[in-house]
C-alpha atoms as a PDB file:
ATOM      1  CA  MET A   1     -11.972  -9.097   7.146  1.00  0.00           C
ATOM      2  CA  THR A   2     -11.946  -5.388   6.652  1.00  0.00           C
ATOM      3  CA  ARG A   3     -11.171  -3.680   3.361  1.00  0.00           C
ATOM      4  CA  VAL A   4      -8.743  -0.794   3.851  1.00  0.00           C
ATOM      5  CA  ALA A   5      -6.919   1.662   1.625  1.00  0.00           C
ATOM      6  CA  ILE A   6      -3.606   3.445   1.783  1.00  0.00           C
ATOM      7  CA  ASP A   7      -3.129   6.787   0.032  1.00  0.00           C
ATOM      8  CA  ILE A   8       0.258   6.906  -1.685  1.00  0.00           C
ATOM      9  CA  GLN A   9       1.870  10.174  -2.739  1.00  0.00           C
ATOM     10  CA  GLY A  10       5.005  10.812  -4.739  1.00  0.00           C
ATOM     11  CA  MET A  11       4.453   8.473  -7.675  1.00  0.00           C
ATOM     12  CA  SER A  12       5.177  10.281 -10.913  1.00  0.00           C
ATOM     13  CA  CYS A  13       5.850   7.551 -13.464  1.00  0.00           C
ATOM     14  CA  GLY A  14       5.375   3.906 -14.319  1.00  0.00           C
ATOM     15  CA  GLY A  15       8.640   3.056 -12.576  1.00  0.00           C
ATOM     16  CA  CYS A  16       7.227   4.454  -9.335  1.00  0.00           C
ATOM     17  CA  VAL A  17       4.156   2.260  -9.698  1.00  0.00           C
ATOM     18  CA  VAL A  18       6.356  -0.801 -10.242  1.00  0.00           C
ATOM     19  CA  ALA A  19       8.451   0.071  -7.168  1.00  0.00           C
ATOM     20  CA  VAL A  20       5.414   0.456  -4.919  1.00  0.00           C
ATOM     21  CA  ARG A  21       3.853  -2.757  -6.257  1.00  0.00           C
ATOM     22  CA  ALA A  22       7.100  -4.574  -5.425  1.00  0.00           C
ATOM     23  CA  VAL A  23       7.072  -3.240  -1.861  1.00  0.00           C
ATOM     24  CA  LEU A  24       3.430  -4.162  -1.362  1.00  0.00           C
ATOM     25  CA  GLY A  25       3.919  -7.575  -2.917  1.00  0.00           C
ATOM     26  CA  ARG A  26       6.346  -8.431  -0.120  1.00  0.00           C
ATOM     27  CA  GLN A  27       3.816  -7.602   2.591  1.00  0.00           C
ATOM     28  CA  ALA A  28       1.857 -10.621   3.811  1.00  0.00           C
ATOM     29  CA  GLY A  29      -1.871 -10.298   3.274  1.00  0.00           C
ATOM     30  CA  VAL A  30      -1.832  -7.492   0.699  1.00  0.00           C
ATOM     31  CA  THR A  31      -4.165  -8.084  -2.236  1.00  0.00           C
ATOM     32  CA  ASN A  32      -6.032  -6.003  -4.837  1.00  0.00           C
ATOM     33  CA  VAL A  33      -3.332  -3.380  -5.222  1.00  0.00           C
ATOM     34  CA  ASP A  34      -4.096  -0.484  -7.581  1.00  0.00           C
ATOM     35  CA  VAL A  35      -1.375   2.065  -7.106  1.00  0.00           C
ATOM     36  CA  ALA A  36      -1.832   3.638 -10.531  1.00  0.00           C
ATOM     37  CA  VAL A  37      -4.416   6.000  -9.007  1.00  0.00           C
ATOM     38  CA  GLY A  38      -2.311   6.801  -5.936  1.00  0.00           C
ATOM     39  CA  GLN A  39      -4.010   4.320  -3.677  1.00  0.00           C
ATOM     40  CA  ALA A  40      -3.638   0.693  -2.681  1.00  0.00           C
ATOM     41  CA  SER A  41      -6.626  -1.191  -1.334  1.00  0.00           C
ATOM     42  CA  PHE A  42      -6.584  -4.607   0.214  1.00  0.00           C
ATOM     43  CA  ASP A  43      -8.215  -6.902   2.725  1.00  0.00           C
ATOM     44  CA  LEU A  44      -6.816  -6.435   6.211  1.00  0.00           C
ATOM     45  CA  ASP A  45      -6.625  -9.482   8.414  1.00  0.00           C
ATOM     46  CA  SER A  46      -5.267  -8.218  11.705  1.00  0.00           C
ATOM     47  CA  ALA A  47      -3.573 -11.555  12.313  1.00  0.00           C
ATOM     48  CA  GLN A  48      -1.549 -11.231   9.101  1.00  0.00           C
ATOM     49  CA  ILE A  49      -0.714  -7.601   8.507  1.00  0.00           C
ATOM     50  CA  ASP A  50       0.100  -4.445  10.406  1.00  0.00           C
ATOM     51  CA  LEU A  51      -1.095  -1.379   8.488  1.00  0.00           C
ATOM     52  CA  SER A  52       1.602   0.842   9.992  1.00  0.00           C
ATOM     53  CA  ARG A  53       4.296  -1.595   8.804  1.00  0.00           C
ATOM     54  CA  VAL A  54       2.918  -1.406   5.271  1.00  0.00           C
ATOM     55  CA  CYS A  55       3.045   2.408   5.365  1.00  0.00           C
ATOM     56  CA  GLU A  56       6.597   2.286   6.748  1.00  0.00           C
ATOM     57  CA  ALA A  57       7.696  -0.068   3.948  1.00  0.00           C
ATOM     58  CA  ILE A  58       6.280   2.318   1.355  1.00  0.00           C
ATOM     59  CA  ALA A  59       8.038   5.247   3.056  1.00  0.00           C
ATOM     60  CA  ARG A  60      11.366   3.392   2.952  1.00  0.00           C
ATOM     61  CA  ALA A  61      10.875   3.089  -0.810  1.00  0.00           C
ATOM     62  CA  GLY A  62      10.699   6.893  -1.031  1.00  0.00           C
ATOM     63  CA  PHE A  63       6.968   7.555  -1.122  1.00  0.00           C
ATOM     64  CA  GLU A  64       4.510   9.029   1.358  1.00  0.00           C
ATOM     65  CA  ALA A  65       1.808   6.683   2.584  1.00  0.00           C
ATOM     66  CA  ALA A  66      -1.054   7.078   5.020  1.00  0.00           C
ATOM     67  CA  PRO A  67      -4.128   5.003   5.845  1.00  0.00           C
ATOM     68  CA  SER A  68      -7.282   6.143   4.109  1.00  0.00           C
ATOM     69  CA  ALA A  69     -10.888   5.590   5.106  1.00  0.00           C
ATOM     70  CA  PRO A  70     -12.173   1.999   4.807  1.00  0.00           C
ATOM     71  CA  VAL A  71     -13.438   1.212   1.293  1.00  0.00           C
END
């Protein structure tokens, strides 16, 4: 497995953090989420999760998301 990170912009309060955690919690394979610092990191198993789908789900929730460098 590969550890990856997604940079998340647009969070300005605790409610934003809760909203992003809820979105990420619905994505299969997402673990170790720490959005409080504007980033979510997790283990990527290519058979379970599509990184672009995760970013799209975050965008639908009203935040900007983009893959970061592997961590």
